[in-house]
Amino acid sequence: MQVEVACRHGNLRDEVRDQIVSKSEKLLTYFERVTAIQVTVDLGNGRVKTELLVDAEHKHDFVASSEGEDILATFDGTLHKMEQQIRKYKQKIQDHRRDVPTNELVSDGIDDGVEETEEFDEE
């Protein structure tokens, strides 16, 4: 998986770039099918805008962005939004069905060791 960090209207220090890369790689703990991550930091007009694009297998892309004053705080907000999107998508595609249908579980419990006897009164 590749993480690409781009900066518009300025430059990022190496330690800030390294922190962004390491935090971005943590997205793999939420979704293993991530193939590429692109981070764009825009430093124009005295505000910081971060945008995070995540490409996943099966042609699904995630996008999150936020604005703020501090680079790392703004990126943390963007990363939090991305984590929520990935969790929601993973929950949606996850198979929630049980292996054994519920009605079979109930019928198995009734039949175990219970014998029914019929009593008739002869008149």
PDB file of N, CA and C in Angstrom:
ATOM      1  N   MET A   1       0.844  -1.170   0.000  1.00  0.00           N
ATOM      2  CA  MET A   1       0.000   0.000   0.000  1.00  0.00           C
ATOM      3  C   MET A   1       0.893   1.237   0.000  1.00  0.00           C
ATOM      4  N   GLN A   2       0.514   2.214  -0.769  1.00  0.00           N
ATOM      5  CA  GLN A   2       1.310   3.427  -0.858  1.00  0.00           C
ATOM      6  C   GLN A   2       0.549   4.614  -0.271  1.00  0.00           C
ATOM      7  N   VAL A   3       1.276   5.443   0.447  1.00  0.00           N
ATOM      8  CA  VAL A   3       0.720   6.665   1.022  1.00  0.00           C
ATOM      9  C   VAL A   3       1.417   7.831   0.351  1.00  0.00           C
ATOM     10  N   GLU A   4       0.623   8.698  -0.264  1.00  0.00           N
ATOM     11  CA  GLU A   4       1.167   9.853  -0.975  1.00  0.00           C
ATOM     12  C   GLU A   4       0.693  11.121  -0.277  1.00  0.00           C
ATOM     13  N   VAL A   5       1.631  11.984   0.081  1.00  0.00           N
ATOM     14  CA  VAL A   5       1.308  13.237   0.759  1.00  0.00           C
ATOM     15  C   VAL A   5       1.709  14.389  -0.154  1.00  0.00           C
ATOM     16  N   ALA A   6       0.749  15.258  -0.459  1.00  0.00           N
ATOM     17  CA  ALA A   6       1.011  16.423  -1.307  1.00  0.00           C
ATOM     18  C   ALA A   6       0.633  17.681  -0.529  1.00  0.00           C
ATOM     19  N   CYS A   7       1.332  18.768  -0.823  1.00  0.00           N
ATOM     20  CA  CYS A   7       1.074  20.030  -0.146  1.00  0.00           C
ATOM     21  C   CYS A   7       0.926  21.132  -1.190  1.00  0.00           C
ATOM     22  N   ARG A   8      -0.129  21.928  -1.045  1.00  0.00           N
ATOM     23  CA  ARG A   8      -0.352  23.066  -1.938  1.00  0.00           C
ATOM     24  C   ARG A   8      -0.060  24.360  -1.183  1.00  0.00           C
ATOM     25  N   HIS A   9       0.474  25.333  -1.891  1.00  0.00           N
ATOM     26  CA  HIS A   9       0.722  26.681  -1.359  1.00  0.00           C
ATOM     27  C   HIS A   9       1.666  26.679  -0.155  1.00  0.00           C
ATOM     28  N   GLY A  10       2.646  25.822  -0.150  1.00  0.00           N
ATOM     29  CA  GLY A  10       3.614  25.791   0.944  1.00  0.00           C
ATOM     30  C   GLY A  10       4.318  24.447   1.003  1.00  0.00           C
ATOM     31  N   ASN A  11       5.103  24.259   2.036  1.00  0.00           N
ATOM     32  CA  ASN A  11       5.848  23.015   2.229  1.00  0.00           C
ATOM     33  C   ASN A  11       5.579  22.465   3.621  1.00  0.00           C
ATOM     34  N   LEU A  12       5.637  21.149   3.736  1.00  0.00           N
ATOM     35  CA  LEU A  12       5.502  20.481   5.026  1.00  0.00           C
ATOM     36  C   LEU A  12       6.876  20.076   5.539  1.00  0.00           C
ATOM     37  N   ARG A  13       7.061  20.195   6.836  1.00  0.00           N
ATOM     38  CA  ARG A  13       8.303  19.694   7.431  1.00  0.00           C
ATOM     39  C   ARG A  13       8.301  18.169   7.365  1.00  0.00           C
ATOM     40  N   ASP A  14       9.479  17.586   7.382  1.00  0.00           N
ATOM     41  CA  ASP A  14       9.599  16.133   7.267  1.00  0.00           C
ATOM     42  C   ASP A  14       8.940  15.405   8.431  1.00  0.00           C
ATOM     43  N   GLU A  15       9.059  15.935   9.648  1.00  0.00           N
ATOM     44  CA  GLU A  15       8.452  15.254  10.791  1.00  0.00           C
ATOM     45  C   GLU A  15       6.924  15.290  10.722  1.00  0.00           C
ATOM     46  N   VAL A  16       6.351  16.380  10.204  1.00  0.00           N
ATOM     47  CA  VAL A  16       4.898  16.458  10.027  1.00  0.00           C
ATOM     48  C   VAL A  16       4.461  15.464   8.955  1.00  0.00           C
ATOM     49  N   ARG A  17       5.213  15.391   7.867  1.00  0.00           N
ATOM     50  CA  ARG A  17       4.912  14.453   6.790  1.00  0.00           C
ATOM     51  C   ARG A  17       4.974  13.007   7.304  1.00  0.00           C
ATOM     52  N   ASP A  18       5.979  12.697   8.128  1.00  0.00           N
ATOM     53  CA  ASP A  18       6.113  11.347   8.681  1.00  0.00           C
ATOM     54  C   ASP A  18       4.956  11.004   9.615  1.00  0.00           C
ATOM     55  N   GLN A  19       4.513  11.976  10.419  1.00  0.00           N
ATOM     56  CA  GLN A  19       3.373  11.735  11.305  1.00  0.00           C
ATOM     57  C   GLN A  19       2.102  11.478  10.507  1.00  0.00           C
ATOM     58  N   ILE A  20       1.906  12.224   9.427  1.00  0.00           N
ATOM     59  CA  ILE A  20       0.731  12.025   8.579  1.00  0.00           C
ATOM     60  C   ILE A  20       0.758  10.635   7.955  1.00  0.00           C
ATOM     61  N   VAL A  21       1.922  10.204   7.483  1.00  0.00           N
ATOM     62  CA  VAL A  21       2.038   8.876   6.866  1.00  0.00           C
ATOM     63  C   VAL A  21       1.763   7.785   7.894  1.00  0.00           C
ATOM     64  N   SER A  22       2.334   7.897   9.085  1.00  0.00           N
ATOM     65  CA  SER A  22       2.146   6.847  10.096  1.00  0.00           C
ATOM     66  C   SER A  22       0.692   6.770  10.567  1.00  0.00           C
ATOM     67  N   LYS A  23       0.034   7.922  10.720  1.00  0.00           N
ATOM     68  CA  LYS A  23      -1.371   7.911  11.124  1.00  0.00           C
ATOM     69  C   LYS A  23      -2.259   7.367  10.007  1.00  0.00           C
ATOM     70  N   SER A  24      -1.911   7.656   8.764  1.00  0.00           N
ATOM     71  CA  SER A  24      -2.701   7.161   7.634  1.00  0.00           C
ATOM     72  C   SER A  24      -2.621   5.646   7.517  1.00  0.00           C
ATOM     73  N   GLU A  25      -1.465   5.087   7.832  1.00  0.00           N
ATOM     74  CA  GLU A  25      -1.296   3.640   7.734  1.00  0.00           C
ATOM     75  C   GLU A  25      -2.137   2.891   8.760  1.00  0.00           C
ATOM     76  N   LYS A  26      -2.593   3.564   9.803  1.00  0.00           N
ATOM     77  CA  LYS A  26      -3.442   2.921  10.806  1.00  0.00           C
ATOM     78  C   LYS A  26      -4.825   2.588  10.257  1.00  0.00           C
ATOM     79  N   LEU A  27      -5.182   3.150   9.106  1.00  0.00           N
ATOM     80  CA  LEU A  27      -6.468   2.818   8.496  1.00  0.00           C
ATOM     81  C   LEU A  27      -6.538   1.347   8.098  1.00  0.00           C
ATOM     82  N   LEU A  28      -5.393   0.719   7.927  1.00  0.00           N
ATOM     83  CA  LEU A  28      -5.377  -0.707   7.585  1.00  0.00           C
ATOM     84  C   LEU A  28      -5.940  -1.570   8.707  1.00  0.00           C
ATOM     85  N   THR A  29      -5.914  -1.083   9.936  1.00  0.00           N
ATOM     86  CA  THR A  29      -6.483  -1.867  11.029  1.00  0.00           C
ATOM     87  C   THR A  29      -8.001  -1.927  10.937  1.00  0.00           C
ATOM     88  N   TYR A  30      -8.616  -0.946  10.283  1.00  0.00           N
ATOM     89  CA  TYR A  30     -10.063  -0.928  10.135  1.00  0.00           C
ATOM     90  C   TYR A  30     -10.523  -1.659   8.881  1.00  0.00           C
ATOM     91  N   PHE A  31      -9.720  -1.603   7.819  1.00  0.00           N
ATOM     92  CA  PHE A  31     -10.130  -2.205   6.548  1.00  0.00           C
ATOM     93  C   PHE A  31      -8.876  -2.662   5.817  1.00  0.00           C
ATOM     94  N   GLU A  32      -8.741  -3.962   5.623  1.00  0.00           N
ATOM     95  CA  GLU A  32      -7.522  -4.537   5.062  1.00  0.00           C
ATOM     96  C   GLU A  32      -7.407  -4.352   3.552  1.00  0.00           C
ATOM     97  N   ARG A  33      -8.491  -4.027   2.889  1.00  0.00           N
ATOM     98  CA  ARG A  33      -8.502  -3.954   1.426  1.00  0.00           C
ATOM     99  C   ARG A  33      -8.104  -2.589   0.869  1.00  0.00           C
ATOM    100  N   VAL A  34      -7.485  -1.759   1.667  1.00  0.00           N
ATOM    101  CA  VAL A  34      -7.030  -0.444   1.217  1.00  0.00           C
ATOM    102  C   VAL A  34      -5.818  -0.632   0.312  1.00  0.00           C
ATOM    103  N   THR A  35      -5.860  -0.019  -0.875  1.00  0.00           N
ATOM    104  CA  THR A  35      -4.756  -0.161  -1.825  1.00  0.00           C
ATOM    105  C   THR A  35      -3.896   1.090  -1.910  1.00  0.00           C
ATOM    106  N   ALA A  36      -4.474   2.280  -1.737  1.00  0.00           N
ATOM    107  CA  ALA A  36      -3.700   3.520  -1.833  1.00  0.00           C
ATOM    108  C   ALA A  36      -4.358   4.608  -0.983  1.00  0.00           C
ATOM    109  N   ILE A  37      -3.518   5.481  -0.444  1.00  0.00           N
ATOM    110  CA  ILE A  37      -3.993   6.610   0.352  1.00  0.00           C
ATOM    111  C   ILE A  37      -3.327   7.873  -0.179  1.00  0.00           C
ATOM    112  N   GLN A  38      -4.140   8.904  -0.446  1.00  0.00           N
ATOM    113  CA  GLN A  38      -3.619  10.190  -0.901  1.00  0.00           C
ATOM    114  C   GLN A  38      -4.049  11.265   0.093  1.00  0.00           C
ATOM    115  N   VAL A  39      -3.082  12.002   0.586  1.00  0.00           N
ATOM    116  CA  VAL A  39      -3.348  13.090   1.520  1.00  0.00           C
ATOM    117  C   VAL A  39      -2.941  14.393   0.847  1.00  0.00           C
ATOM    118  N   THR A  40      -3.853  15.364   0.828  1.00  0.00           N
ATOM    119  CA  THR A  40      -3.559  16.678   0.269  1.00  0.00           C
ATOM    120  C   THR A  40      -3.747  17.717   1.368  1.00  0.00           C
ATOM    121  N   VAL A  41      -2.703  18.504   1.594  1.00  0.00           N
ATOM    122  CA  VAL A  41      -2.744  19.571   2.593  1.00  0.00           C
ATOM    123  C   VAL A  41      -2.666  20.895   1.844  1.00  0.00           C
ATOM    124  N   ASP A  42      -3.674  21.748   2.030  1.00  0.00           N
ATOM    125  CA  ASP A  42      -3.725  23.052   1.367  1.00  0.00           C
ATOM    126  C   ASP A  42      -3.494  24.132   2.424  1.00  0.00           C
ATOM    127  N   LEU A  43      -2.416  24.898   2.262  1.00  0.00           N
ATOM    128  CA  LEU A  43      -2.043  25.914   3.247  1.00  0.00           C
ATOM    129  C   LEU A  43      -2.419  27.329   2.805  1.00  0.00           C
ATOM    130  N   GLY A  44      -3.335  27.486   1.897  1.00  0.00           N
ATOM    131  CA  GLY A  44      -3.678  28.803   1.366  1.00  0.00           C
ATOM    132  C   GLY A  44      -4.586  29.605   2.269  1.00  0.00           C
ATOM    133  N   ASN A  45      -4.480  30.938   2.175  1.00  0.00           N
ATOM    134  CA  ASN A  45      -5.346  31.904   2.855  1.00  0.00           C
ATOM    135  C   ASN A  45      -5.314  31.799   4.379  1.00  0.00           C
ATOM    136  N   GLY A  46      -4.217  31.403   4.964  1.00  0.00           N
ATOM    137  CA  GLY A  46      -4.100  31.350   6.414  1.00  0.00           C
ATOM    138  C   GLY A  46      -4.874  30.227   7.080  1.00  0.00           C
ATOM    139  N   ARG A  47      -5.567  29.414   6.326  1.00  0.00           N
ATOM    140  CA  ARG A  47      -6.321  28.271   6.851  1.00  0.00           C
ATOM    141  C   ARG A  47      -5.700  26.998   6.302  1.00  0.00           C
ATOM    142  N   VAL A  48      -5.867  25.931   7.029  1.00  0.00           N
ATOM    143  CA  VAL A  48      -5.361  24.627   6.602  1.00  0.00           C
ATOM    144  C   VAL A  48      -6.554  23.767   6.212  1.00  0.00           C
ATOM    145  N   LYS A  49      -6.489  23.209   5.019  1.00  0.00           N
ATOM    146  CA  LYS A  49      -7.526  22.281   4.570  1.00  0.00           C
ATOM    147  C   LYS A  49      -6.840  20.961   4.230  1.00  0.00           C
ATOM    148  N   THR A  50      -7.317  19.883   4.829  1.00  0.00           N
ATOM    149  CA  THR A  50      -6.759  18.565   4.523  1.00  0.00           C
ATOM    150  C   THR A  50      -7.827  17.722   3.851  1.00  0.00           C
ATOM    151  N   GLU A  51      -7.383  16.942   2.890  1.00  0.00           N
ATOM    152  CA  GLU A  51      -8.279  16.050   2.161  1.00  0.00           C
ATOM    153  C   GLU A  51      -7.632  14.675   2.124  1.00  0.00           C
ATOM    154  N   LEU A  52      -8.422  13.656   2.376  1.00  0.00           N
ATOM    155  CA  LEU A  52      -7.923  12.291   2.442  1.00  0.00           C
ATOM    156  C   LEU A  52      -8.721  11.436   1.466  1.00  0.00           C
ATOM    157  N   LEU A  53      -8.033  10.825   0.515  1.00  0.00           N
ATOM    158  CA  LEU A  53      -8.647   9.928  -0.465  1.00  0.00           C
ATOM    159  C   LEU A  53      -8.110   8.526  -0.223  1.00  0.00           C
ATOM    160  N   VAL A  54      -9.002   7.567  -0.049  1.00  0.00           N
ATOM    161  CA  VAL A  54      -8.600   6.184   0.189  1.00  0.00           C
ATOM    162  C   VAL A  54      -9.204   5.320  -0.905  1.00  0.00           C
ATOM    163  N   ASP A  55      -8.337   4.600  -1.607  1.00  0.00           N
ATOM    164  CA  ASP A  55      -8.779   3.662  -2.634  1.00  0.00           C
ATOM    165  C   ASP A  55      -8.784   2.270  -2.035  1.00  0.00           C
ATOM    166  N   ALA A  56      -9.878   1.548  -2.257  1.00  0.00           N
ATOM    167  CA  ALA A  56      -9.989   0.182  -1.758  1.00  0.00           C
ATOM    168  C   ALA A  56     -10.291  -0.751  -2.918  1.00  0.00           C
ATOM    169  N   GLU A  57     -10.115  -2.043  -2.664  1.00  0.00           N
ATOM    170  CA  GLU A  57     -10.415  -3.031  -3.695  1.00  0.00           C
ATOM    171  C   GLU A  57     -11.892  -2.966  -4.064  1.00  0.00           C
ATOM    172  N   HIS A  58     -12.212  -3.520  -5.177  1.00  0.00           N
ATOM    173  CA  HIS A  58     -13.576  -3.589  -5.706  1.00  0.00           C
ATOM    174  C   HIS A  58     -14.137  -2.206  -6.022  1.00  0.00           C
ATOM    175  N   LYS A  59     -13.258  -1.307  -6.444  1.00  0.00           N
ATOM    176  CA  LYS A  59     -13.643   0.013  -6.966  1.00  0.00           C
ATOM    177  C   LYS A  59     -14.437   0.856  -5.980  1.00  0.00           C
ATOM    178  N   HIS A  60     -14.084   0.806  -4.734  1.00  0.00           N
ATOM    179  CA  HIS A  60     -14.756   1.664  -3.763  1.00  0.00           C
ATOM    180  C   HIS A  60     -13.755   2.694  -3.248  1.00  0.00           C
ATOM    181  N   ASP A  61     -14.128   3.976  -3.326  1.00  0.00           N
ATOM    182  CA  ASP A  61     -13.258   5.062  -2.891  1.00  0.00           C
ATOM    183  C   ASP A  61     -13.930   5.820  -1.751  1.00  0.00           C
ATOM    184  N   PHE A  62     -13.131   6.267  -0.803  1.00  0.00           N
ATOM    185  CA  PHE A  62     -13.612   7.044   0.327  1.00  0.00           C
ATOM    186  C   PHE A  62     -12.959   8.419   0.275  1.00  0.00           C
ATOM    187  N   VAL A  63     -13.713   9.470   0.626  1.00  0.00           N
ATOM    188  CA  VAL A  63     -13.201  10.839   0.613  1.00  0.00           C
ATOM    189  C   VAL A  63     -13.632  11.533   1.903  1.00  0.00           C
ATOM    190  N   ALA A  64     -12.679  12.223   2.540  1.00  0.00           N
ATOM    191  CA  ALA A  64     -12.988  13.015   3.727  1.00  0.00           C
ATOM    192  C   ALA A  64     -12.119  14.264   3.708  1.00  0.00           C
ATOM    193  N   SER A  65     -12.658  15.368   4.223  1.00  0.00           N
ATOM    194  CA  SER A  65     -11.878  16.603   4.286  1.00  0.00           C
ATOM    195  C   SER A  65     -12.341  17.432   5.478  1.00  0.00           C
ATOM    196  N   SER A  66     -11.458  18.316   5.922  1.00  0.00           N
ATOM    197  CA  SER A  66     -11.812  19.240   6.997  1.00  0.00           C
ATOM    198  C   SER A  66     -10.890  20.451   6.942  1.00  0.00           C
ATOM    199  N   GLU A  67     -11.310  21.526   7.611  1.00  0.00           N
ATOM    200  CA  GLU A  67     -10.537  22.765   7.650  1.00  0.00           C
ATOM    201  C   GLU A  67     -10.273  23.154   9.096  1.00  0.00           C
ATOM    202  N   GLY A  68      -9.158  23.847   9.301  1.00  0.00           N
ATOM    203  CA  GLY A  68      -8.822  24.297  10.642  1.00  0.00           C
ATOM    204  C   GLY A  68      -7.611  25.196  10.638  1.00  0.00           C
ATOM    205  N   GLU A  69      -7.046  25.404  11.818  1.00  0.00           N
ATOM    206  CA  GLU A  69      -5.895  26.284  11.977  1.00  0.00           C
ATOM    207  C   GLU A  69      -4.576  25.519  12.016  1.00  0.00           C
ATOM    208  N   ASP A  70      -4.576  24.340  12.645  1.00  0.00           N
ATOM    209  CA  ASP A  70      -3.359  23.563  12.839  1.00  0.00           C
ATOM    210  C   ASP A  70      -3.345  22.376  11.871  1.00  0.00           C
ATOM    211  N   ILE A  71      -2.185  22.060  11.314  1.00  0.00           N
ATOM    212  CA  ILE A  71      -2.086  20.997  10.308  1.00  0.00           C
ATOM    213  C   ILE A  71      -2.451  19.641  10.902  1.00  0.00           C
ATOM    214  N   LEU A  72      -1.802  19.264  12.001  1.00  0.00           N
ATOM    215  CA  LEU A  72      -2.035  17.930  12.560  1.00  0.00           C
ATOM    216  C   LEU A  72      -3.427  17.785  13.168  1.00  0.00           C
ATOM    217  N   ALA A  73      -3.939  18.824  13.804  1.00  0.00           N
ATOM    218  CA  ALA A  73      -5.285  18.759  14.369  1.00  0.00           C
ATOM    219  C   ALA A  73      -6.327  18.624  13.264  1.00  0.00           C
ATOM    220  N   THR A  74      -6.131  19.352  12.181  1.00  0.00           N
ATOM    221  CA  THR A  74      -7.046  19.264  11.048  1.00  0.00           C
ATOM    222  C   THR A  74      -6.972  17.882  10.410  1.00  0.00           C
ATOM    223  N   PHE A  75      -5.760  17.352  10.281  1.00  0.00           N
ATOM    224  CA  PHE A  75      -5.615  16.014   9.712  1.00  0.00           C
ATOM    225  C   PHE A  75      -6.252  14.956  10.614  1.00  0.00           C
ATOM    226  N   ASP A  76      -6.132  15.119  11.940  1.00  0.00           N
ATOM    227  CA  ASP A  76      -6.765  14.172  12.861  1.00  0.00           C
ATOM    228  C   ASP A  76      -8.282  14.167  12.692  1.00  0.00           C
ATOM    229  N   GLY A  77      -8.875  15.340  12.489  1.00  0.00           N
ATOM    230  CA  GLY A  77     -10.311  15.415  12.234  1.00  0.00           C
ATOM    231  C   GLY A  77     -10.697  14.716  10.943  1.00  0.00           C
ATOM    232  N   THR A  78      -9.887  14.907   9.915  1.00  0.00           N
ATOM    233  CA  THR A  78     -10.137  14.244   8.636  1.00  0.00           C
ATOM    234  C   THR A  78      -9.998  12.733   8.784  1.00  0.00           C
ATOM    235  N   LEU A  79      -9.000  12.306   9.516  1.00  0.00           N
ATOM    236  CA  LEU A  79      -8.770  10.875   9.731  1.00  0.00           C
ATOM    237  C   LEU A  79      -9.930  10.247  10.504  1.00  0.00           C
ATOM    238  N   HIS A  80     -10.465  10.968  11.477  1.00  0.00           N
ATOM    239  CA  HIS A  80     -11.611  10.468  12.240  1.00  0.00           C
ATOM    240  C   HIS A  80     -12.833  10.282  11.339  1.00  0.00           C
ATOM    241  N   LYS A  81     -13.073  11.241  10.455  1.00  0.00           N
ATOM    242  CA  LYS A  81     -14.176  11.117   9.501  1.00  0.00           C
ATOM    243  C   LYS A  81     -13.989   9.893   8.612  1.00  0.00           C
ATOM    244  N   MET A  82     -12.752   9.665   8.171  1.00  0.00           N
ATOM    245  CA  MET A  82     -12.464   8.526   7.309  1.00  0.00           C
ATOM    246  C   MET A  82     -12.689   7.206   8.048  1.00  0.00           C
ATOM    247  N   GLU A  83     -12.269   7.141   9.304  1.00  0.00           N
ATOM    248  CA  GLU A  83     -12.480   5.927  10.094  1.00  0.00           C
ATOM    249  C   GLU A  83     -13.964   5.610  10.210  1.00  0.00           C
ATOM    250  N   GLN A  84     -14.789   6.636  10.420  1.00  0.00           N
ATOM    251  CA  GLN A  84     -16.230   6.424  10.521  1.00  0.00           C
ATOM    252  C   GLN A  84     -16.803   5.904   9.205  1.00  0.00           C
ATOM    253  N   GLN A  85     -16.365   6.467   8.080  1.00  0.00           N
ATOM    254  CA  GLN A  85     -16.847   6.005   6.779  1.00  0.00           C
ATOM    255  C   GLN A  85     -16.479   4.547   6.540  1.00  0.00           C
ATOM    256  N   ILE A  86     -15.239   4.191   6.861  1.00  0.00           N
ATOM    257  CA  ILE A  86     -14.774   2.822   6.627  1.00  0.00           C
ATOM    258  C   ILE A  86     -15.508   1.845   7.537  1.00  0.00           C
ATOM    259  N   ARG A  87     -15.706   2.214   8.800  1.00  0.00           N
ATOM    260  CA  ARG A  87     -16.457   1.338   9.708  1.00  0.00           C
ATOM    261  C   ARG A  87     -17.879   1.113   9.210  1.00  0.00           C
ATOM    262  N   LYS A  88     -18.526   2.174   8.766  1.00  0.00           N
ATOM    263  CA  LYS A  88     -19.897   2.063   8.272  1.00  0.00           C
ATOM    264  C   LYS A  88     -19.952   1.173   7.036  1.00  0.00           C
ATOM    265  N   TYR A  89     -19.008   1.335   6.122  1.00  0.00           N
ATOM    266  CA  TYR A  89     -18.975   0.514   4.913  1.00  0.00           C
ATOM    267  C   TYR A  89     -18.706  -0.948   5.260  1.00  0.00           C
ATOM    268  N   LYS A  90     -17.777  -1.191   6.167  1.00  0.00           N
ATOM    269  CA  LYS A  90     -17.445  -2.564   6.547  1.00  0.00           C
ATOM    270  C   LYS A  90     -18.636  -3.230   7.228  1.00  0.00           C
ATOM    271  N   GLN A  91     -19.347  -2.501   8.069  1.00  0.00           N
ATOM    272  CA  GLN A  91     -20.541  -3.032   8.723  1.00  0.00           C
ATOM    273  C   GLN A  91     -21.611  -3.365   7.690  1.00  0.00           C
ATOM    274  N   LYS A  92     -21.712  -2.544   6.669  1.00  0.00           N
ATOM    275  CA  LYS A  92     -22.725  -2.743   5.635  1.00  0.00           C
ATOM    276  C   LYS A  92     -22.454  -3.996   4.806  1.00  0.00           C
ATOM    277  N   ILE A  93     -21.190  -4.258   4.484  1.00  0.00           N
ATOM    278  CA  ILE A  93     -20.884  -5.398   3.621  1.00  0.00           C
ATOM    279  C   ILE A  93     -20.691  -6.693   4.395  1.00  0.00           C
ATOM    280  N   GLN A  94     -20.631  -6.615   5.710  1.00  0.00           N
ATOM    281  CA  GLN A  94     -20.392  -7.802   6.522  1.00  0.00           C
ATOM    282  C   GLN A  94     -21.623  -8.699   6.516  1.00  0.00           C
ATOM    283  N   ASP A  95     -21.404 -10.007   6.501  1.00  0.00           N
ATOM    284  CA  ASP A  95     -22.485 -10.978   6.500  1.00  0.00           C
ATOM    285  C   ASP A  95     -22.962 -11.176   7.939  1.00  0.00           C
ATOM    286  N   HIS A  96     -24.206 -10.818   8.218  1.00  0.00           N
ATOM    287  CA  HIS A  96     -24.735 -10.898   9.571  1.00  0.00           C
ATOM    288  C   HIS A  96     -25.592 -12.140   9.795  1.00  0.00           C
ATOM    289  N   ARG A  97     -25.703 -12.973   8.792  1.00  0.00           N
ATOM    290  CA  ARG A  97     -26.555 -14.151   8.926  1.00  0.00           C
ATOM    291  C   ARG A  97     -25.877 -15.214   9.781  1.00  0.00           C
ATOM    292  N   ARG A  98     -26.697 -16.011  10.432  1.00  0.00           N
ATOM    293  CA  ARG A  98     -26.181 -17.115  11.237  1.00  0.00           C
ATOM    294  C   ARG A  98     -25.987 -18.324  10.336  1.00  0.00           C
ATOM    295  N   ASP A  99     -25.159 -19.263  10.790  1.00  0.00           N
ATOM    296  CA  ASP A  99     -24.941 -20.484  10.029  1.00  0.00           C
ATOM    297  C   ASP A  99     -26.171 -21.390  10.066  1.00  0.00           C
ATOM    298  N   VAL A 100     -26.816 -21.486  11.202  1.00  0.00           N
ATOM    299  CA  VAL A 100     -27.990 -22.338  11.357  1.00  0.00           C
ATOM    300  C   VAL A 100     -29.199 -21.433  11.551  1.00  0.00           C
ATOM    301  N   PRO A 101     -30.261 -21.639  10.773  1.00  0.00           N
ATOM    302  CA  PRO A 101     -31.455 -20.811  10.946  1.00  0.00           C
ATOM    303  C   PRO A 101     -32.047 -20.966  12.347  1.00  0.00           C
ATOM    304  N   THR A 102     -32.654 -19.920  12.844  1.00  0.00           N
ATOM    305  CA  THR A 102     -33.201 -19.905  14.189  1.00  0.00           C
ATOM    306  C   THR A 102     -34.310 -20.937  14.360  1.00  0.00           C
ATOM    307  N   ASN A 103     -35.145 -21.139  13.349  1.00  0.00           N
ATOM    308  CA  ASN A 103     -36.239 -22.094  13.481  1.00  0.00           C
ATOM    309  C   ASN A 103     -35.730 -23.522  13.631  1.00  0.00           C
ATOM    310  N   GLU A 104     -34.576 -23.847  13.073  1.00  0.00           N
ATOM    311  CA  GLU A 104     -34.004 -25.176  13.267  1.00  0.00           C
ATOM    312  C   GLU A 104     -33.470 -25.330  14.683  1.00  0.00           C
ATOM    313  N   LEU A 105     -32.944 -24.272  15.263  1.00  0.00           N
ATOM    314  CA  LEU A 105     -32.466 -24.337  16.640  1.00  0.00           C
ATOM    315  C   LEU A 105     -33.622 -24.593  17.601  1.00  0.00           C
ATOM    316  N   VAL A 106     -34.753 -23.963  17.367  1.00  0.00           N
ATOM    317  CA  VAL A 106     -35.916 -24.127  18.232  1.00  0.00           C
ATOM    318  C   VAL A 106     -36.481 -25.531  18.100  1.00  0.00           C
ATOM    319  N   SER A 107     -36.602 -26.036  16.887  1.00  0.00           N
ATOM    320  CA  SER A 107     -37.174 -27.370  16.692  1.00  0.00           C
ATOM    321  C   SER A 107     -36.257 -28.454  17.239  1.00  0.00           C
ATOM    322  N   ASP A 108     -34.953 -28.272  17.191  1.00  0.00           N
ATOM    323  CA  ASP A 108     -34.025 -29.245  17.755  1.00  0.00           C
ATOM    324  C   ASP A 108     -34.162 -29.308  19.271  1.00  0.00           C
ATOM    325  N   GLY A 109     -34.396 -28.211  19.913  1.00  0.00           N
ATOM    326  CA  GLY A 109     -34.532 -28.177  21.364  1.00  0.00           C
ATOM    327  C   GLY A 109     -35.799 -28.857  21.842  1.00  0.00           C
ATOM    328  N   ILE A 110     -36.844 -28.859  21.066  1.00  0.00           N
ATOM    329  CA  ILE A 110     -38.106 -29.478  21.453  1.00  0.00           C
ATOM    330  C   ILE A 110     -38.023 -30.994  21.333  1.00  0.00           C
ATOM    331  N   ASP A 111     -37.381 -31.497  20.327  1.00  0.00           N
ATOM    332  CA  ASP A 111     -37.358 -32.927  20.044  1.00  0.00           C
ATOM    333  C   ASP A 111     -36.383 -33.707  20.909  1.00  0.00           C
ATOM    334  N   ASP A 112     -35.477 -33.098  21.593  1.00  0.00           N
ATOM    335  CA  ASP A 112     -34.442 -33.808  22.340  1.00  0.00           C
ATOM    336  C   ASP A 112     -34.991 -34.433  23.620  1.00  0.00           C
ATOM    337  N   GLY A 113     -35.039 -35.759  23.665  1.00  0.00           N
ATOM    338  CA  GLY A 113     -35.353 -36.504  24.875  1.00  0.00           C
ATOM    339  C   GLY A 113     -36.763 -36.364  25.389  1.00  0.00           C
ATOM    340  N   VAL A 114     -37.652 -35.843  24.665  1.00  0.00           N
ATOM    341  CA  VAL A 114     -39.027 -35.683  25.118  1.00  0.00           C
ATOM    342  C   VAL A 114     -39.895 -36.636  24.314  1.00  0.00           C
ATOM    343  N   GLU A 115     -40.546 -37.539  25.026  1.00  0.00           N
ATOM    344  CA  GLU A 115     -41.451 -38.463  24.349  1.00  0.00           C
ATOM    345  C   GLU A 115     -42.867 -38.105  24.753  1.00  0.00           C
ATOM    346  N   GLU A 116     -43.722 -38.108  23.800  1.00  0.00           N
ATOM    347  CA  GLU A 116     -45.111 -37.795  24.075  1.00  0.00           C
ATOM    348  C   GLU A 116     -45.898 -39.095  24.143  1.00  0.00           C
ATOM    349  N   THR A 117     -46.697 -39.236  25.161  1.00  0.00           N
ATOM    350  CA  THR A 117     -47.562 -40.410  25.283  1.00  0.00           C
ATOM    351  C   THR A 117     -48.994 -39.926  25.312  1.00  0.00           C
ATOM    352  N   GLU A 118     -49.817 -40.691  24.685  1.00  0.00           N
ATOM    353  CA  GLU A 118     -51.232 -40.329  24.649  1.00  0.00           C
ATOM    354  C   GLU A 118     -51.997 -41.272  25.561  1.00  0.00           C
ATOM    355  N   GLU A 119     -52.853 -40.733  26.341  1.00  0.00           N
ATOM    356  CA  GLU A 119     -53.681 -41.540  27.224  1.00  0.00           C
ATOM    357  C   GLU A 119     -55.127 -41.379  26.802  1.00  0.00           C
ATOM    358  N   PHE A 120     -55.789 -42.515  26.637  1.00  0.00           N
ATOM    359  CA  PHE A 120     -57.202 -42.496  26.270  1.00  0.00           C
ATOM    360  C   PHE A 120     -57.999 -43.203  27.352  1.00  0.00           C
ATOM    361  N   ASP A 121     -59.068 -42.645  27.700  1.00  0.00           N
ATOM    362  CA  ASP A 121     -59.979 -43.294  28.650  1.00  0.00           C
ATOM    363  C   ASP A 121     -60.951 -44.142  27.851  1.00  0.00           C
ATOM    364  N   GLU A 122     -61.024 -45.407  28.220  1.00  0.00           N
ATOM    365  CA  GLU A 122     -61.965 -46.281  27.520  1.00  0.00           C
ATOM    366  C   GLU A 122     -63.289 -46.234  28.235  1.00  0.00           C
ATOM    367  N   GLU A 123     -64.306 -46.056  27.518  1.00  0.00           N
ATOM    368  CA  GLU A 123     -65.618 -45.964  28.124  1.00  0.00           C
ATOM    369  C   GLU A 123     -66.448 -47.138  27.766  1.00  0.00           C
TER     370      GLU A 123
END
